[in-house]
Amino acid sequence: MILQLFKGGGFLMIPLLLCSLISLTIIIDRTFFWLRIRREKDQDLVNKVLTLADKGLWAEIRHVASGSKNYIVRILINGILHRDYSMAMAMESAASDELQKMRRFMGVLDTIVTVAPLLGILGTVVGIIHSFDMLGSTGIGDPKAVTGGIAQALITTAAGLSISIMTLLPCNYFNACAETSALAIEKYATSLEITHEKWVKGRDDEKTRRAGGDILDLTPGQATHLSLHTSG
């Protein structure tokens, strides 16, 4: 039955078949990719990294998160490693790499969603042209020759629409997953930036407080000497 439909659709069934095979391959690949992402999800580890960052325990964070395959943890660790230079830019770079992996092949699926119905419509036009050509050659005495072209038109249209619909649904789902992941990355990256800024401010305040305490502990003679030395 399927083979007969394929033959009945004419030569345009070949590119439609290629579209369906490419679409199916990408859908299977992306399905396993997102299943792996969900399996590697570790919310407890993400929260632990943020808690340790709040205390400034950077070495312990590297030890705890070592070997983690969670994409959020990888991004946070990249920011922590470059905290003395530009934490935000380091996390932005890592996030860009992760999102690129998540959106891989989405452009191909979008193209198939658009191209498959157009190929079906082209098959419709070709089939109708064939029908009118046969009608002009044989007249209305041989209706089978005319209906053959109409059948070709219907088969290619149905095939193109089916491929487009079956590609559109998973494509939208994968795009939604990538968008949700992007929002999660932004949320936790912002939390780490705020935590780091609070830690730096607390460290600076502690240094200022200690410096002030050391000055108060000086004897009058030491204070006068320090003042003269500073003035000089």
Foldseek 3Di string as FASTA:
>chain_A
DVVVLLVLLPPLSVVLVVLLVVLVVVLVVLVVVVVVQVVLDDPPLLVVLLVVLLVVVLVVNCVSCPPRPHLLSVLQNQLSVCVVPHSVVSSVVSLVVVLCVLCPCLVVLVVLLPVLQVSLQVSLVQLQVQLVVVCVVPNVPDVVSNVSSNSNSVSSNVSSNVSNVVSVVSSVVSVVVSVVVSVVSVVSSVSSVVSNVVVVVVVVVVVVVVVVVVQVPDDPVVNVVVVVVVVD
